[in-house]
Amino acid sequence: MTRLNRWMATLVAALALAAPASADPIGVETFPIRILHGSLDVGTVSATLTLAGTRGFSLTSGMAVLGGSVELCQGCRPGEEISLGATWSGKDLGGTAAVQGRTFRIGGLNPLDANGIVFFSGSAGVAPPLDGVSETVIAPFTFAGEIVEWLSNDLVHRYPLFGQGTATVQLSRIAGETAWHYHRAVYEFSPNPEPVPEPATLVLLTTGLVGSAIRFRRSRP
Protein backbone atom coordinates (compact mmCIF):
# COMPACT_ATOMS: atom_id res chain seq x y z
CA MET A 1 0.00 0.00 0.00
CA THR A 2 1.41 3.42 -0.95
CA ARG A 3 1.91 6.24 1.54
CA LEU A 4 -0.96 8.16 -0.12
CA ASN A 5 -3.33 5.22 0.18
CA ARG A 6 -2.35 4.65 3.82
CA TRP A 7 -3.06 8.31 4.60
CA MET A 8 -6.41 8.08 2.82
CA ALA A 9 -7.36 4.99 4.81
CA THR A 10 -6.47 6.73 8.09
CA LEU A 11 -8.58 9.78 7.30
CA VAL A 12 -11.59 7.79 6.12
CA ALA A 13 -11.39 5.75 9.32
CA ALA A 14 -11.28 8.98 11.35
CA LEU A 15 -14.40 10.18 9.60
CA ALA A 16 -16.19 6.94 10.40
CA LEU A 17 -15.29 7.37 14.07
CA ALA A 18 -16.60 10.94 14.25
CA ALA A 19 -18.94 11.92 17.09
CA PRO A 20 -22.55 10.62 16.83
CA ALA A 21 -25.30 12.63 15.19
CA SER A 22 -26.61 13.69 18.59
CA ALA A 23 -23.62 16.02 19.04
CA ASP A 24 -24.07 19.70 18.32
CA PRO A 25 -24.01 20.26 14.55
CA ILE A 26 -20.86 21.67 13.01
CA GLY A 27 -21.15 23.77 9.86
CA VAL A 28 -18.75 23.23 6.95
CA GLU A 29 -18.44 26.08 4.44
CA THR A 30 -16.52 25.54 1.20
CA PHE A 31 -14.60 28.22 -0.73
CA PRO A 32 -12.81 26.93 -3.87
CA ILE A 33 -9.53 28.65 -4.70
CA ARG A 34 -7.83 28.72 -8.09
CA ILE A 35 -4.03 28.93 -7.91
CA LEU A 36 -2.78 31.72 -10.16
CA HIS A 37 0.94 31.87 -9.40
CA GLY A 38 3.59 30.09 -7.40
CA SER A 39 5.97 27.16 -7.57
CA LEU A 40 7.09 23.88 -6.05
CA ASP A 41 10.87 23.44 -6.01
CA VAL A 42 11.87 19.83 -5.20
CA GLY A 43 15.45 18.86 -4.45
CA THR A 44 16.70 15.48 -3.32
CA VAL A 45 16.29 16.30 0.39
CA SER A 46 13.86 19.20 0.76
CA ALA A 47 11.13 21.04 -1.15
CA THR A 48 9.70 24.55 -1.03
CA LEU A 49 6.11 25.39 -1.95
CA THR A 50 4.70 28.88 -2.53
CA LEU A 51 1.15 29.45 -3.77
CA ALA A 52 -0.95 32.53 -4.57
CA GLY A 53 -4.55 32.37 -5.72
CA THR A 54 -8.04 33.80 -5.73
CA ARG A 55 -9.73 35.07 -2.52
CA GLY A 56 -6.39 36.58 -1.50
CA PHE A 57 -5.02 33.10 -0.83
CA SER A 58 -1.33 32.44 -0.23
CA LEU A 59 0.64 29.56 1.23
CA THR A 60 4.32 29.08 2.05
CA SER A 61 5.69 25.73 3.18
CA GLY A 62 9.03 23.98 3.48
CA MET A 63 8.79 20.18 3.34
CA ALA A 64 11.10 17.18 3.60
CA VAL A 65 11.10 14.99 0.49
CA LEU A 66 10.96 11.85 2.66
CA GLY A 67 7.98 13.33 4.52
CA GLY A 68 5.87 13.21 1.37
CA SER A 69 5.19 10.79 -1.45
CA VAL A 70 7.47 11.87 -4.32
CA GLU A 71 7.27 9.75 -7.49
CA LEU A 72 9.88 11.59 -9.56
CA CYS A 73 12.49 9.62 -11.50
CA GLN A 74 14.70 7.78 -9.01
CA GLY A 75 16.49 5.08 -10.93
CA CYS A 76 14.34 5.12 -14.07
CA ARG A 77 15.73 3.38 -17.13
CA PRO A 78 15.38 4.61 -20.72
CA GLY A 79 11.81 4.09 -21.93
CA GLU A 80 10.29 4.06 -18.42
CA GLU A 81 7.69 6.70 -17.53
CA ILE A 82 8.78 9.79 -15.59
CA SER A 83 5.98 10.56 -13.15
CA LEU A 84 5.40 14.07 -11.84
CA GLY A 85 3.43 12.77 -8.85
CA ALA A 86 4.14 14.39 -5.47
CA THR A 87 2.00 14.62 -2.33
CA TRP A 88 2.41 16.14 1.14
CA SER A 89 -0.17 16.26 3.91
CA GLY A 90 -0.80 16.76 7.62
CA LYS A 91 2.21 17.78 9.70
CA ASP A 92 4.49 17.12 6.73
CA LEU A 93 2.88 20.19 5.12
CA GLY A 94 3.74 22.82 7.71
CA GLY A 95 3.81 26.54 7.10
CA THR A 96 1.69 29.66 6.87
CA ALA A 97 -1.44 30.37 4.83
CA ALA A 98 -3.60 33.44 4.32
CA VAL A 99 -7.13 33.94 2.99
CA GLN A 100 -8.80 37.32 2.49
CA GLY A 101 -6.32 39.09 4.77
CA ARG A 102 -6.44 36.53 7.59
CA THR A 103 -3.18 34.64 8.26
CA PHE A 104 -2.97 31.28 10.04
CA ARG A 105 -0.63 28.33 10.55
CA ILE A 106 -1.07 24.95 8.91
CA GLY A 107 0.32 21.60 9.97
CA GLY A 108 1.87 22.92 13.18
CA LEU A 109 2.46 21.14 16.48
CA ASN A 110 -0.71 22.68 17.89
CA PRO A 111 -3.53 20.21 17.06
CA LEU A 112 -5.87 23.17 16.57
CA ASP A 113 -3.81 24.48 13.65
CA ALA A 114 -5.32 24.27 10.17
CA ASN A 115 -4.43 21.15 8.19
CA GLY A 116 -4.13 20.28 4.54
CA ILE A 117 -2.93 18.24 1.59
CA VAL A 118 -1.34 19.10 -1.78
CA PHE A 119 -1.39 16.71 -4.72
CA PHE A 120 0.66 17.15 -7.94
CA SER A 121 0.14 14.82 -10.88
CA GLY A 122 1.24 14.40 -14.47
CA SER A 123 3.70 12.59 -16.71
CA ALA A 124 6.89 13.86 -18.34
CA GLY A 125 6.87 11.07 -20.91
CA VAL A 126 9.56 8.41 -20.87
CA ALA A 127 13.17 8.56 -19.76
CA PRO A 128 15.54 9.39 -22.64
CA PRO A 129 18.40 7.22 -23.90
CA LEU A 130 21.61 7.28 -21.86
CA ASP A 131 23.52 9.38 -24.39
CA GLY A 132 24.91 11.90 -21.90
CA VAL A 133 25.31 12.66 -18.21
CA SER A 134 22.33 15.01 -17.87
CA GLU A 135 18.96 15.71 -19.47
CA THR A 136 16.10 18.17 -18.91
CA VAL A 137 12.47 17.26 -19.53
CA ILE A 138 9.52 19.69 -19.52
CA ALA A 139 5.85 18.72 -19.23
CA PRO A 140 2.50 20.05 -17.95
CA PHE A 141 1.18 19.12 -14.51
CA THR A 142 -2.13 19.45 -12.68
CA PHE A 143 -2.56 20.33 -9.02
CA ALA A 144 -5.28 19.85 -6.44
CA GLY A 145 -5.34 20.18 -2.67
CA GLU A 146 -7.27 21.39 0.31
CA ILE A 147 -6.81 23.39 3.48
CA VAL A 148 -9.21 22.89 6.41
CA GLU A 149 -9.46 25.69 8.99
CA TRP A 150 -11.49 26.08 12.18
CA LEU A 151 -13.19 29.47 12.45
CA SER A 152 -15.02 28.70 15.69
CA ASN A 153 -16.16 25.73 17.77
CA ASP A 154 -18.99 25.05 15.35
CA LEU A 155 -17.71 26.27 11.97
CA VAL A 156 -15.14 24.77 9.59
CA HIS A 157 -13.89 26.40 6.40
CA ARG A 158 -12.73 24.17 3.53
CA TYR A 159 -10.52 25.66 0.83
CA PRO A 160 -10.28 23.27 -2.16
CA LEU A 161 -7.26 24.24 -4.27
CA PHE A 162 -6.96 23.78 -8.05
CA GLY A 163 -4.28 24.70 -10.55
CA GLN A 164 -1.94 23.74 -13.35
CA GLY A 165 1.38 24.69 -14.87
CA THR A 166 4.64 23.40 -16.30
CA ALA A 167 7.22 21.20 -14.60
CA THR A 168 10.93 21.17 -15.48
CA VAL A 169 12.77 18.05 -14.31
CA GLN A 170 16.56 17.87 -14.34
CA LEU A 171 17.95 14.35 -14.68
CA SER A 172 21.46 13.12 -13.94
CA ARG A 173 23.19 9.89 -14.80
CA ILE A 174 25.37 8.42 -12.09
CA ALA A 175 28.64 7.00 -13.39
CA GLY A 176 28.49 3.25 -13.81
CA GLU A 177 24.69 3.10 -13.63
CA THR A 178 22.23 2.46 -16.45
CA ALA A 179 19.45 4.67 -15.11
CA TRP A 180 18.52 8.32 -14.56
CA HIS A 181 17.93 10.09 -11.24
CA TYR A 182 16.25 13.46 -10.81
CA HIS A 183 18.28 16.03 -8.88
CA ARG A 184 15.82 18.93 -9.13
CA ALA A 185 12.24 19.48 -10.28
CA VAL A 186 10.53 22.88 -10.48
CA TYR A 187 6.76 23.13 -10.94
CA GLU A 188 5.74 26.61 -12.11
CA PHE A 189 2.05 27.54 -11.87
CA SER A 190 0.22 29.48 -14.54
CA PRO A 191 -3.30 30.97 -14.43
CA ASN A 192 -5.93 28.41 -15.41
CA PRO A 193 -9.23 29.76 -16.78
CA GLU A 194 -11.15 26.57 -15.99
CA PRO A 195 -11.40 24.64 -12.70
CA VAL A 196 -9.34 21.46 -12.52
CA PRO A 197 -11.56 18.53 -11.43
CA GLU A 198 -10.69 16.95 -8.10
CA PRO A 199 -9.28 13.42 -8.48
CA ALA A 200 -11.55 10.83 -6.84
CA THR A 201 -8.73 9.96 -4.43
CA LEU A 202 -8.46 13.56 -3.29
CA VAL A 203 -12.21 13.78 -2.66
CA LEU A 204 -11.89 10.89 -0.20
CA LEU A 205 -8.79 12.40 1.37
CA THR A 206 -10.33 15.78 2.02
CA THR A 207 -13.59 14.25 3.26
CA GLY A 208 -11.52 12.36 5.81
CA LEU A 209 -9.57 15.51 6.66
CA VAL A 210 -12.76 17.38 7.57
CA GLY A 211 -14.13 14.39 9.49
CA SER A 212 -10.94 13.97 11.47
CA ALA A 213 -10.91 17.68 12.38
CA ILE A 214 -14.55 17.56 13.53
CA ARG A 215 -13.94 14.44 15.62
CA PHE A 216 -10.94 16.05 17.36
CA ARG A 217 -12.76 19.29 18.06
CA ARG A 218 -15.81 17.53 19.49
CA SER A 219 -13.61 15.45 21.78
CA ARG A 220 -12.35 18.57 23.54
CA PRO A 221 -14.18 19.64 26.71
C-alpha atoms as a PDB file:
ATOM      1  CA  MET A   1       0.000   0.000   0.000  1.00  0.00           C
ATOM      2  CA  THR A   2       1.413   3.423  -0.953  1.00  0.00           C
ATOM      3  CA  ARG A   3       1.912   6.241   1.538  1.00  0.00           C
ATOM      4  CA  LEU A   4      -0.955   8.159  -0.117  1.00  0.00           C
ATOM      5  CA  ASN A   5      -3.334   5.220   0.181  1.00  0.00           C
ATOM      6  CA  ARG A   6      -2.351   4.654   3.824  1.00  0.00           C
ATOM      7  CA  TRP A   7      -3.056   8.313   4.595  1.00  0.00           C
ATOM      8  CA  MET A   8      -6.411   8.076   2.825  1.00  0.00           C
ATOM      9  CA  ALA A   9      -7.359   4.987   4.812  1.00  0.00           C
ATOM     10  CA  THR A  10      -6.468   6.728   8.087  1.00  0.00           C
ATOM     11  CA  LEU A  11      -8.584   9.785   7.296  1.00  0.00           C
ATOM     12  CA  VAL A  12     -11.591   7.790   6.117  1.00  0.00           C
ATOM     13  CA  ALA A  13     -11.386   5.755   9.324  1.00  0.00           C
ATOM     14  CA  ALA A  14     -11.280   8.979  11.353  1.00  0.00           C
ATOM     15  CA  LEU A  15     -14.404  10.175   9.597  1.00  0.00           C
ATOM     16  CA  ALA A  16     -16.190   6.939  10.396  1.00  0.00           C
ATOM     17  CA  LEU A  17     -15.286   7.372  14.070  1.00  0.00           C
ATOM     18  CA  ALA A  18     -16.598  10.943  14.254  1.00  0.00           C
ATOM     19  CA  ALA A  19     -18.944  11.915  17.085  1.00  0.00           C
ATOM     20  CA  PRO A  20     -22.545  10.618  16.828  1.00  0.00           C
ATOM     21  CA  ALA A  21     -25.302  12.635  15.194  1.00  0.00           C
ATOM     22  CA  SER A  22     -26.612  13.687  18.594  1.00  0.00           C
ATOM     23  CA  ALA A  23     -23.615  16.016  19.041  1.00  0.00           C
ATOM     24  CA  ASP A  24     -24.073  19.702  18.322  1.00  0.00           C
ATOM     25  CA  PRO A  25     -24.015  20.256  14.547  1.00  0.00           C
ATOM     26  CA  ILE A  26     -20.859  21.669  13.007  1.00  0.00           C
ATOM     27  CA  GLY A  27     -21.149  23.765   9.860  1.00  0.00           C
ATOM     28  CA  VAL A  28     -18.752  23.233   6.954  1.00  0.00           C
ATOM     29  CA  GLU A  29     -18.445  26.077   4.442  1.00  0.00           C
ATOM     30  CA  THR A  30     -16.518  25.542   1.201  1.00  0.00           C
ATOM     31  CA  PHE A  31     -14.601  28.224  -0.726  1.00  0.00           C
ATOM     32  CA  PRO A  32     -12.809  26.928  -3.868  1.00  0.00           C
ATOM     33  CA  ILE A  33      -9.525  28.647  -4.701  1.00  0.00           C
ATOM     34  CA  ARG A  34      -7.829  28.720  -8.089  1.00  0.00           C
ATOM     35  CA  ILE A  35      -4.035  28.931  -7.910  1.00  0.00           C
ATOM     36  CA  LEU A  36      -2.778  31.716 -10.158  1.00  0.00           C
ATOM     37  CA  HIS A  37       0.938  31.871  -9.403  1.00  0.00           C
ATOM     38  CA  GLY A  38       3.595  30.090  -7.400  1.00  0.00           C
ATOM     39  CA  SER A  39       5.968  27.159  -7.568  1.00  0.00           C
ATOM     40  CA  LEU A  40       7.086  23.883  -6.050  1.00  0.00           C
ATOM     41  CA  ASP A  41      10.872  23.439  -6.005  1.00  0.00           C
ATOM     42  CA  VAL A  42      11.869  19.834  -5.202  1.00  0.00           C
ATOM     43  CA  GLY A  43      15.455  18.864  -4.448  1.00  0.00           C
ATOM     44  CA  THR A  44      16.702  15.482  -3.324  1.00  0.00           C
ATOM     45  CA  VAL A  45      16.294  16.303   0.387  1.00  0.00           C
ATOM     46  CA  SER A  46      13.855  19.196   0.758  1.00  0.00           C
ATOM     47  CA  ALA A  47      11.127  21.038  -1.148  1.00  0.00           C
ATOM     48  CA  THR A  48       9.699  24.553  -1.030  1.00  0.00           C
ATOM     49  CA  LEU A  49       6.107  25.393  -1.949  1.00  0.00           C
ATOM     50  CA  THR A  50       4.704  28.878  -2.529  1.00  0.00           C
ATOM     51  CA  LEU A  51       1.146  29.451  -3.772  1.00  0.00           C
ATOM     52  CA  ALA A  52      -0.952  32.529  -4.574  1.00  0.00           C
ATOM     53  CA  GLY A  53      -4.548  32.370  -5.723  1.00  0.00           C
ATOM     54  CA  THR A  54      -8.037  33.803  -5.726  1.00  0.00           C
ATOM     55  CA  ARG A  55      -9.727  35.070  -2.518  1.00  0.00           C
ATOM     56  CA  GLY A  56      -6.390  36.581  -1.500  1.00  0.00           C
ATOM     57  CA  PHE A  57      -5.020  33.103  -0.826  1.00  0.00           C
ATOM     58  CA  SER A  58      -1.327  32.440  -0.232  1.00  0.00           C
ATOM     59  CA  LEU A  59       0.641  29.555   1.233  1.00  0.00           C
ATOM     60  CA  THR A  60       4.320  29.079   2.050  1.00  0.00           C
ATOM     61  CA  SER A  61       5.691  25.728   3.177  1.00  0.00           C
ATOM     62  CA  GLY A  62       9.032  23.980   3.482  1.00  0.00           C
ATOM     63  CA  MET A  63       8.795  20.183   3.340  1.00  0.00           C
ATOM     64  CA  ALA A  64      11.099  17.180   3.597  1.00  0.00           C
ATOM     65  CA  VAL A  65      11.102  14.986   0.491  1.00  0.00           C
ATOM     66  CA  LEU A  66      10.961  11.851   2.661  1.00  0.00           C
ATOM     67  CA  GLY A  67       7.980  13.334   4.515  1.00  0.00           C
ATOM     68  CA  GLY A  68       5.867  13.214   1.374  1.00  0.00           C
ATOM     69  CA  SER A  69       5.190  10.789  -1.452  1.00  0.00           C
ATOM     70  CA  VAL A  70       7.472  11.869  -4.324  1.00  0.00           C
ATOM     71  CA  GLU A  71       7.267   9.754  -7.486  1.00  0.00           C
ATOM     72  CA  LEU A  72       9.879  11.589  -9.562  1.00  0.00           C
ATOM     73  CA  CYS A  73      12.491   9.625 -11.499  1.00  0.00           C
ATOM     74  CA  GLN A  74      14.699   7.784  -9.014  1.00  0.00           C
ATOM     75  CA  GLY A  75      16.493   5.078 -10.927  1.00  0.00           C
ATOM     76  CA  CYS A  76      14.339   5.116 -14.067  1.00  0.00           C
ATOM     77  CA  ARG A  77      15.727   3.383 -17.132  1.00  0.00           C
ATOM     78  CA  PRO A  78      15.381   4.608 -20.719  1.00  0.00           C
ATOM     79  CA  GLY A  79      11.812   4.094 -21.927  1.00  0.00           C
ATOM     80  CA  GLU A  80      10.287   4.064 -18.421  1.00  0.00           C
ATOM     81  CA  GLU A  81       7.691   6.702 -17.529  1.00  0.00           C
ATOM     82  CA  ILE A  82       8.778   9.792 -15.594  1.00  0.00           C
ATOM     83  CA  SER A  83       5.982  10.557 -13.152  1.00  0.00           C
ATOM     84  CA  LEU A  84       5.397  14.068 -11.840  1.00  0.00           C
ATOM     85  CA  GLY A  85       3.435  12.774  -8.849  1.00  0.00           C
ATOM     86  CA  ALA A  86       4.143  14.388  -5.473  1.00  0.00           C
ATOM     87  CA  THR A  87       1.999  14.616  -2.326  1.00  0.00           C
ATOM     88  CA  TRP A  88       2.411  16.144   1.136  1.00  0.00           C
ATOM     89  CA  SER A  89      -0.172  16.262   3.911  1.00  0.00           C
ATOM     90  CA  GLY A  90      -0.798  16.759   7.616  1.00  0.00           C
ATOM     91  CA  LYS A  91       2.207  17.783   9.700  1.00  0.00           C
ATOM     92  CA  ASP A  92       4.493  17.120   6.726  1.00  0.00           C
ATOM     93  CA  LEU A  93       2.878  20.194   5.125  1.00  0.00           C
ATOM     94  CA  GLY A  94       3.736  22.820   7.711  1.00  0.00           C
ATOM     95  CA  GLY A  95       3.814  26.538   7.100  1.00  0.00           C
ATOM     96  CA  THR A  96       1.692  29.658   6.873  1.00  0.00           C
ATOM     97  CA  ALA A  97      -1.442  30.372   4.831  1.00  0.00           C
ATOM     98  CA  ALA A  98      -3.595  33.445   4.319  1.00  0.00           C
ATOM     99  CA  VAL A  99      -7.125  33.936   2.987  1.00  0.00           C
ATOM    100  CA  GLN A 100      -8.799  37.319   2.491  1.00  0.00           C
ATOM    101  CA  GLY A 101      -6.320  39.095   4.766  1.00  0.00           C
ATOM    102  CA  ARG A 102      -6.441  36.531   7.592  1.00  0.00           C
ATOM    103  CA  THR A 103      -3.176  34.642   8.263  1.00  0.00           C
ATOM    104  CA  PHE A 104      -2.966  31.276  10.044  1.00  0.00           C
ATOM    105  CA  ARG A 105      -0.626  28.335  10.551  1.00  0.00           C
ATOM    106  CA  ILE A 106      -1.072  24.949   8.908  1.00  0.00           C
ATOM    107  CA  GLY A 107       0.322  21.596   9.972  1.00  0.00           C
ATOM    108  CA  GLY A 108       1.870  22.922  13.179  1.00  0.00           C
ATOM    109  CA  LEU A 109       2.457  21.140  16.480  1.00  0.00           C
ATOM    110  CA  ASN A 110      -0.712  22.676  17.895  1.00  0.00           C
ATOM    111  CA  PRO A 111      -3.528  20.208  17.056  1.00  0.00           C
ATOM    112  CA  LEU A 112      -5.875  23.172  16.569  1.00  0.00           C
ATOM    113  CA  ASP A 113      -3.808  24.484  13.646  1.00  0.00           C
ATOM    114  CA  ALA A 114      -5.315  24.267  10.166  1.00  0.00           C
ATOM    115  CA  ASN A 115      -4.429  21.145   8.195  1.00  0.00           C
ATOM    116  CA  GLY A 116      -4.135  20.282   4.540  1.00  0.00           C
ATOM    117  CA  ILE A 117      -2.927  18.243   1.587  1.00  0.00           C
ATOM    118  CA  VAL A 118      -1.336  19.097  -1.780  1.00  0.00           C
ATOM    119  CA  PHE A 119      -1.386  16.710  -4.719  1.00  0.00           C
ATOM    120  CA  PHE A 120       0.665  17.146  -7.938  1.00  0.00           C
ATOM    121  CA  SER A 121       0.139  14.816 -10.883  1.00  0.00           C
ATOM    122  CA  GLY A 122       1.240  14.395 -14.473  1.00  0.00           C
ATOM    123  CA  SER A 123       3.704  12.594 -16.712  1.00  0.00           C
ATOM    124  CA  ALA A 124       6.890  13.860 -18.342  1.00  0.00           C
ATOM    125  CA  GLY A 125       6.871  11.075 -20.908  1.00  0.00           C
ATOM    126  CA  VAL A 126       9.565   8.411 -20.868  1.00  0.00           C
ATOM    127  CA  ALA A 127      13.166   8.557 -19.760  1.00  0.00           C
ATOM    128  CA  PRO A 128      15.539   9.394 -22.643  1.00  0.00           C
ATOM    129  CA  PRO A 129      18.401   7.215 -23.898  1.00  0.00           C
ATOM    130  CA  LEU A 130      21.608   7.279 -21.859  1.00  0.00           C
ATOM    131  CA  ASP A 131      23.519   9.378 -24.390  1.00  0.00           C
ATOM    132  CA  GLY A 132      24.908  11.897 -21.905  1.00  0.00           C
ATOM    133  CA  VAL A 133      25.309  12.660 -18.210  1.00  0.00           C
ATOM    134  CA  SER A 134      22.332  15.005 -17.870  1.00  0.00           C
ATOM    135  CA  GLU A 135      18.957  15.714 -19.468  1.00  0.00           C
ATOM    136  CA  THR A 136      16.103  18.169 -18.911  1.00  0.00           C
ATOM    137  CA  VAL A 137      12.465  17.261 -19.535  1.00  0.00           C
ATOM    138  CA  ILE A 138       9.519  19.693 -19.517  1.00  0.00           C
ATOM    139  CA  ALA A 139       5.850  18.720 -19.233  1.00  0.00           C
ATOM    140  CA  PRO A 140       2.498  20.048 -17.949  1.00  0.00           C
ATOM    141  CA  PHE A 141       1.180  19.123 -14.505  1.00  0.00           C
ATOM    142  CA  THR A 142      -2.127  19.449 -12.680  1.00  0.00           C
ATOM    143  CA  PHE A 143      -2.562  20.330  -9.022  1.00  0.00           C
ATOM    144  CA  ALA A 144      -5.276  19.846  -6.437  1.00  0.00           C
ATOM    145  CA  GLY A 145      -5.342  20.179  -2.675  1.00  0.00           C
ATOM    146  CA  GLU A 146      -7.266  21.393   0.306  1.00  0.00           C
ATOM    147  CA  ILE A 147      -6.814  23.389   3.483  1.00  0.00           C
ATOM    148  CA  VAL A 148      -9.209  22.893   6.408  1.00  0.00           C
ATOM    149  CA  GLU A 149      -9.455  25.690   8.986  1.00  0.00           C
ATOM    150  CA  TRP A 150     -11.493  26.082  12.183  1.00  0.00           C
ATOM    151  CA  LEU A 151     -13.193  29.471  12.450  1.00  0.00           C
ATOM    152  CA  SER A 152     -15.022  28.697  15.695  1.00  0.00           C
ATOM    153  CA  ASN A 153     -16.162  25.730  17.773  1.00  0.00           C
ATOM    154  CA  ASP A 154     -18.995  25.047  15.346  1.00  0.00           C
ATOM    155  CA  LEU A 155     -17.708  26.272  11.968  1.00  0.00           C
ATOM    156  CA  VAL A 156     -15.140  24.767   9.585  1.00  0.00           C
ATOM    157  CA  HIS A 157     -13.888  26.399   6.399  1.00  0.00           C
ATOM    158  CA  ARG A 158     -12.729  24.171   3.531  1.00  0.00           C
ATOM    159  CA  TYR A 159     -10.515  25.655   0.826  1.00  0.00           C
ATOM    160  CA  PRO A 160     -10.276  23.272  -2.165  1.00  0.00           C
ATOM    161  CA  LEU A 161      -7.265  24.236  -4.274  1.00  0.00           C
ATOM    162  CA  PHE A 162      -6.959  23.777  -8.055  1.00  0.00           C
ATOM    163  CA  GLY A 163      -4.282  24.696 -10.548  1.00  0.00           C
ATOM    164  CA  GLN A 164      -1.945  23.742 -13.350  1.00  0.00           C
ATOM    165  CA  GLY A 165       1.379  24.686 -14.865  1.00  0.00           C
ATOM    166  CA  THR A 166       4.636  23.400 -16.303  1.00  0.00           C
ATOM    167  CA  ALA A 167       7.221  21.204 -14.595  1.00  0.00           C
ATOM    168  CA  THR A 168      10.925  21.169 -15.478  1.00  0.00           C
ATOM    169  CA  VAL A 169      12.770  18.051 -14.310  1.00  0.00           C
ATOM    170  CA  GLN A 170      16.564  17.871 -14.345  1.00  0.00           C
ATOM    171  CA  LEU A 171      17.948  14.349 -14.675  1.00  0.00           C
ATOM    172  CA  SER A 172      21.461  13.124 -13.943  1.00  0.00           C
ATOM    173  CA  ARG A 173      23.189   9.885 -14.800  1.00  0.00           C
ATOM    174  CA  ILE A 174      25.365   8.419 -12.088  1.00  0.00           C
ATOM    175  CA  ALA A 175      28.642   6.996 -13.391  1.00  0.00           C
ATOM    176  CA  GLY A 176      28.487   3.247 -13.815  1.00  0.00           C
ATOM    177  CA  GLU A 177      24.685   3.101 -13.630  1.00  0.00           C
ATOM    178  CA  THR A 178      22.233   2.457 -16.449  1.00  0.00           C
ATOM    179  CA  ALA A 179      19.448   4.674 -15.106  1.00  0.00           C
ATOM    180  CA  TRP A 180      18.515   8.316 -14.562  1.00  0.00           C
ATOM    181  CA  HIS A 181      17.929  10.093 -11.237  1.00  0.00           C
ATOM    182  CA  TYR A 182      16.251  13.458 -10.809  1.00  0.00           C
ATOM    183  CA  HIS A 183      18.279  16.034  -8.880  1.00  0.00           C
ATOM    184  CA  ARG A 184      15.815  18.929  -9.134  1.00  0.00           C
ATOM    185  CA  ALA A 185      12.242  19.484 -10.284  1.00  0.00           C
ATOM    186  CA  VAL A 186      10.534  22.875 -10.484  1.00  0.00           C
ATOM    187  CA  TYR A 187       6.758  23.130 -10.936  1.00  0.00           C
ATOM    188  CA  GLU A 188       5.740  26.614 -12.113  1.00  0.00           C
ATOM    189  CA  PHE A 189       2.048  27.538 -11.865  1.00  0.00           C
ATOM    190  CA  SER A 190       0.221  29.479 -14.541  1.00  0.00           C
ATOM    191  CA  PRO A 191      -3.300  30.967 -14.428  1.00  0.00           C
ATOM    192  CA  ASN A 192      -5.932  28.405 -15.409  1.00  0.00           C
ATOM    193  CA  PRO A 193      -9.232  29.755 -16.781  1.00  0.00           C
ATOM    194  CA  GLU A 194     -11.149  26.573 -15.995  1.00  0.00           C
ATOM    195  CA  PRO A 195     -11.402  24.636 -12.696  1.00  0.00           C
ATOM    196  CA  VAL A 196      -9.338  21.464 -12.516  1.00  0.00           C
ATOM    197  CA  PRO A 197     -11.562  18.535 -11.431  1.00  0.00           C
ATOM    198  CA  GLU A 198     -10.686  16.952  -8.105  1.00  0.00           C
ATOM    199  CA  PRO A 199      -9.281  13.417  -8.481  1.00  0.00           C
ATOM    200  CA  ALA A 200     -11.553  10.832  -6.840  1.00  0.00           C
ATOM    201  CA  THR A 201      -8.734   9.956  -4.432  1.00  0.00           C
ATOM    202  CA  LEU A 202      -8.456  13.562  -3.292  1.00  0.00           C
ATOM    203  CA  VAL A 203     -12.208  13.779  -2.665  1.00  0.00           C
ATOM    204  CA  LEU A 204     -11.887  10.891  -0.199  1.00  0.00           C
ATOM    205  CA  LEU A 205      -8.787  12.402   1.367  1.00  0.00           C
ATOM    206  CA  THR A 206     -10.335  15.784   2.016  1.00  0.00           C
ATOM    207  CA  THR A 207     -13.588  14.247   3.262  1.00  0.00           C
ATOM    208  CA  GLY A 208     -11.524  12.361   5.815  1.00  0.00           C
ATOM    209  CA  LEU A 209      -9.573  15.512   6.660  1.00  0.00           C
ATOM    210  CA  VAL A 210     -12.762  17.379   7.572  1.00  0.00           C
ATOM    211  CA  GLY A 211     -14.134  14.387   9.492  1.00  0.00           C
ATOM    212  CA  SER A 212     -10.938  13.971  11.472  1.00  0.00           C
ATOM    213  CA  ALA A 213     -10.915  17.678  12.383  1.00  0.00           C
ATOM    214  CA  ILE A 214     -14.546  17.556  13.533  1.00  0.00           C
ATOM    215  CA  ARG A 215     -13.936  14.440  15.620  1.00  0.00           C
ATOM    216  CA  PHE A 216     -10.936  16.049  17.362  1.00  0.00           C
ATOM    217  CA  ARG A 217     -12.758  19.294  18.063  1.00  0.00           C
ATOM    218  CA  ARG A 218     -15.806  17.533  19.487  1.00  0.00           C
ATOM    219  CA  SER A 219     -13.611  15.449  21.779  1.00  0.00           C
ATOM    220  CA  ARG A 220     -12.351  18.571  23.536  1.00  0.00           C
ATOM    221  CA  PRO A 221     -14.178  19.643  26.707  1.00  0.00           C
END
